[in-house]
Protein backbone atom coordinates (compact mmCIF):
# COMPACT_ATOMS: atom_id res chain seq x y z
CA UNK A 1 -56.20 -64.50 -26.20
CA UNK A 2 -58.18 -67.99 -25.53
CA UNK A 3 -61.59 -65.92 -26.63
CA UNK A 4 -59.55 -66.28 -30.36
CA UNK A 5 -58.47 -70.31 -30.08
CA UNK A 6 -62.15 -70.48 -28.92
CA UNK A 7 -63.59 -69.28 -31.69
CA UNK A 8 -61.53 -70.74 -33.95
CA UNK A 9 -62.48 -73.98 -32.50
CA UNK A 10 -65.91 -73.63 -33.35
CA UNK A 11 -65.82 -74.23 -37.27
CA UNK A 12 -62.33 -75.99 -36.69
CA UNK A 13 -63.75 -79.24 -34.63
CA UNK A 14 -66.83 -80.12 -37.04
CA UNK A 15 -63.93 -79.23 -40.28
CA UNK A 16 -61.66 -82.35 -39.02
CA UNK A 17 -64.41 -84.33 -38.26
CA UNK A 18 -66.55 -84.07 -40.48
CA UNK A 19 -64.20 -82.96 -43.40
CA UNK A 20 -65.76 -83.54 -47.15
CA UNK A 21 -68.63 -86.51 -46.04
CA UNK A 22 -71.14 -83.60 -44.63
CA UNK A 23 -72.44 -80.72 -46.51
CA UNK A 24 -72.52 -79.37 -43.16
CA UNK A 25 -74.65 -79.37 -40.25
CA UNK A 26 -78.82 -78.15 -40.26
CA UNK A 27 -79.49 -74.16 -40.88
CA UNK A 28 -80.08 -74.09 -37.43
CA UNK A 29 -76.84 -74.75 -35.88
CA UNK A 30 -74.98 -73.01 -38.72
CA UNK A 31 -77.58 -69.38 -37.04
CA UNK A 32 -76.32 -70.29 -34.14
CA UNK A 33 -72.27 -70.27 -34.57
CA UNK A 34 -73.34 -66.99 -36.47
CA UNK A 35 -74.33 -65.36 -33.88
CA UNK A 36 -71.62 -66.42 -31.78
CA UNK A 37 -69.24 -64.53 -34.42
CA UNK A 38 -71.79 -61.62 -34.15
CA UNK A 39 -71.58 -61.16 -30.85
CA UNK A 40 -67.87 -61.52 -30.93
CA UNK A 41 -67.47 -58.65 -33.64
CA UNK A 42 -70.42 -56.47 -32.44
CA UNK A 43 -69.47 -55.94 -28.88
CA UNK A 44 -65.25 -56.13 -29.11
CA UNK A 45 -64.14 -53.18 -27.75
CA UNK A 46 -60.94 -51.01 -28.73
CA UNK A 47 -60.32 -54.19 -31.31
CA UNK A 48 -58.90 -52.97 -34.79
CA UNK A 49 -56.48 -50.54 -36.01
CA UNK A 50 -59.82 -48.27 -36.77
CA UNK A 51 -61.37 -48.00 -34.18
CA UNK A 52 -61.21 -44.72 -33.21
CA UNK A 53 -61.75 -43.75 -37.00
CA UNK A 54 -65.32 -45.27 -36.48
CA UNK A 55 -65.95 -44.00 -32.93
CA UNK A 56 -65.15 -40.48 -35.09
CA UNK A 57 -67.83 -41.50 -37.68
CA UNK A 58 -70.64 -42.39 -35.30
CA UNK A 59 -69.58 -39.06 -32.91
CA UNK A 60 -70.16 -36.99 -36.05
CA UNK A 61 -73.22 -38.70 -37.42
CA UNK A 62 -74.69 -38.42 -33.74
CA UNK A 63 -75.87 -34.70 -34.71
CA UNK A 64 -75.60 -34.84 -38.48
CA UNK A 65 -78.94 -34.41 -40.74
CA UNK A 66 -79.77 -37.43 -42.84
CA UNK A 67 -78.16 -35.37 -45.73
CA UNK A 68 -74.56 -35.47 -44.71
CA UNK A 69 -75.35 -38.95 -44.53
CA UNK A 70 -76.56 -40.07 -47.79
CA UNK A 71 -74.02 -37.37 -49.00
CA UNK A 72 -71.21 -38.69 -47.35
CA UNK A 73 -68.04 -41.24 -48.45
CA UNK A 74 -69.12 -44.42 -48.06
CA UNK A 75 -72.85 -43.45 -47.77
CA UNK A 76 -74.06 -47.37 -46.42
CA UNK A 77 -71.78 -47.16 -43.38
CA UNK A 78 -72.83 -43.16 -42.86
CA UNK A 79 -76.65 -43.82 -42.99
CA UNK A 80 -76.13 -46.78 -40.72
CA UNK A 81 -74.22 -44.59 -38.44
CA UNK A 82 -76.85 -42.07 -38.54
CA UNK A 83 -79.80 -45.26 -37.79
CA UNK A 84 -77.46 -46.25 -34.82
CA UNK A 85 -77.28 -42.69 -33.50
CA UNK A 86 -80.52 -42.05 -33.56
CA UNK A 87 -81.48 -45.20 -31.89
CA UNK A 88 -79.13 -44.92 -28.89
CA UNK A 89 -77.36 -47.72 -30.43
CA UNK A 90 -73.49 -46.56 -29.75
CA UNK A 91 -70.91 -47.93 -31.71
CA UNK A 92 -71.46 -51.35 -30.68
CA UNK A 93 -74.95 -51.55 -32.84
CA UNK A 94 -73.28 -50.12 -35.97
CA UNK A 95 -70.76 -53.18 -35.35
CA UNK A 96 -73.39 -55.46 -34.75
CA UNK A 97 -75.13 -54.73 -37.74
CA UNK A 98 -72.02 -54.85 -39.84
CA UNK A 99 -70.97 -58.29 -38.09
CA UNK A 100 -74.62 -59.42 -39.17
CA UNK A 101 -73.78 -58.78 -42.71
CA UNK A 102 -70.37 -59.77 -42.50
CA UNK A 103 -71.06 -63.54 -41.45
CA UNK A 104 -74.28 -63.27 -43.29
CA UNK A 105 -72.27 -63.52 -46.29
CA UNK A 106 -69.52 -65.76 -45.48
CA UNK A 107 -71.91 -68.34 -43.92
CA UNK A 108 -73.63 -68.50 -47.12
CA UNK A 109 -70.80 -68.72 -49.14
CA UNK A 110 -69.33 -71.38 -47.21
CA UNK A 111 -72.11 -73.10 -47.17
CA UNK A 112 -71.67 -73.20 -51.10
CA UNK A 113 -68.42 -74.85 -50.92
CA UNK A 114 -67.78 -78.66 -50.66
CA UNK A 115 -66.20 -78.80 -47.22
CA UNK A 116 -68.54 -75.59 -45.43
CA UNK A 117 -66.43 -76.23 -42.02
CA UNK A 118 -63.06 -76.37 -43.48
CA UNK A 119 -63.94 -72.79 -45.63
CA UNK A 120 -65.33 -71.05 -42.39
CA UNK A 121 -62.44 -72.49 -40.26
CA UNK A 122 -59.74 -70.95 -42.96
CA UNK A 123 -62.05 -68.08 -42.51
CA UNK A 124 -61.43 -67.33 -39.01
CA UNK A 125 -57.94 -66.45 -38.64
CA UNK A 126 -57.69 -63.67 -41.06
CA UNK A 127 -61.06 -62.76 -42.40
CA UNK A 128 -63.29 -62.86 -39.16
CA UNK A 129 -60.37 -61.72 -36.36
CA UNK A 130 -58.42 -58.95 -38.58
CA UNK A 131 -60.70 -58.02 -41.49
CA UNK A 132 -64.23 -58.14 -39.35
CA UNK A 133 -62.76 -57.00 -36.32
CA UNK A 134 -60.36 -54.75 -37.60
CA UNK A 135 -62.01 -52.67 -40.63
CA UNK A 136 -65.68 -52.79 -40.55
CA UNK A 137 -66.64 -51.25 -43.44
CA UNK A 138 -64.57 -53.41 -45.74
CA UNK A 139 -66.08 -56.64 -43.60
CA UNK A 140 -69.50 -55.37 -45.03
CA UNK A 141 -68.30 -54.63 -48.59
CA UNK A 142 -66.92 -58.72 -48.41
CA UNK A 143 -69.97 -60.11 -46.99
CA UNK A 144 -71.92 -58.23 -49.63
CA UNK A 145 -69.43 -59.84 -51.82
CA UNK A 146 -69.99 -63.02 -50.71
CA UNK A 147 -73.47 -63.28 -51.05
CA UNK A 148 -72.63 -61.89 -54.47
CA UNK A 149 -70.49 -64.45 -55.12
CA UNK A 150 -73.15 -66.77 -53.54
CA UNK A 151 -75.59 -66.19 -56.60
CA UNK A 152 -73.24 -66.03 -59.43
CA UNK A 153 -72.70 -69.19 -58.54
CA UNK A 154 -76.44 -70.20 -58.68
CA UNK A 155 -76.52 -68.07 -62.23
CA UNK A 156 -78.17 -65.24 -60.83
CA UNK A 157 -76.63 -61.99 -62.27
CA UNK A 158 -78.89 -59.56 -61.32
CA UNK A 159 -78.51 -60.94 -57.71
CA UNK A 160 -74.82 -60.78 -57.99
CA UNK A 161 -74.84 -56.88 -59.37
CA UNK A 162 -76.80 -56.02 -56.52
CA UNK A 163 -75.21 -57.29 -53.67
CA UNK A 164 -72.02 -55.97 -55.46
CA UNK A 165 -74.01 -52.96 -55.40
CA UNK A 166 -74.72 -53.03 -51.70
CA UNK A 167 -71.09 -53.50 -50.95
CA UNK A 168 -70.07 -50.46 -52.99
CA UNK A 169 -72.10 -48.38 -50.37
CA UNK A 170 -70.47 -48.98 -47.03
CA UNK A 171 -66.43 -49.26 -49.09
CA UNK A 172 -65.77 -48.90 -52.92
CA UNK A 173 -63.36 -51.18 -53.02
CA UNK A 174 -66.60 -53.62 -53.50
CA UNK A 175 -66.90 -51.97 -56.97
CA UNK A 176 -63.85 -53.92 -58.06
C-alpha cells in the first residue's frame, strides 16, 4: 500500500506547491516521472481484475499465426501480444508497452492543462492505479484518446482521427 501512496506523492507534491503558477517542469522531469509510472504499470504482478484473462490472451498468441492475431478481437492488443511472445518478453513486455502508450497520452494531455501536475495527481488514484493497472486494453485506448484530445485542442483534426482509430485497435470503446 505504501508504494501506491508514494506514486501518488510524485505528482501531488508539485501540484500543491506549484499550483497554477507553473505550467510544469522541464520535459526531462516529466519523462522521468512517466518512466517511474511505466515501470509500476509494466512490472506489476497479479494486479487487476483481468490479470488471468490477459495471461490467457498472451498464452494464445505464443503459438498462434500472425493472421490469428490480426483478425482477432482488438487486433492491436493481439498483435502486441504476438510480438512480445516472439521476442520472449512475456506479459510484462505487453504491460510495459501498454503503460508507455497510456502514460504518453496522459502526460501529453496533462501538460496542456492550466495546472498540469494537478491533472496528473487527480489521475493517479483511478486512471493509473485502477484502469492502467487493472484494465490494460482499455488503458491503451484511453492513452490514445488522450493523444486525440491533445491533437484536437491543437486543431489537428486528422491527428485526432488517427489517434482515436489507433485506440480502437486496442479496445472498441475508443470508437465512442
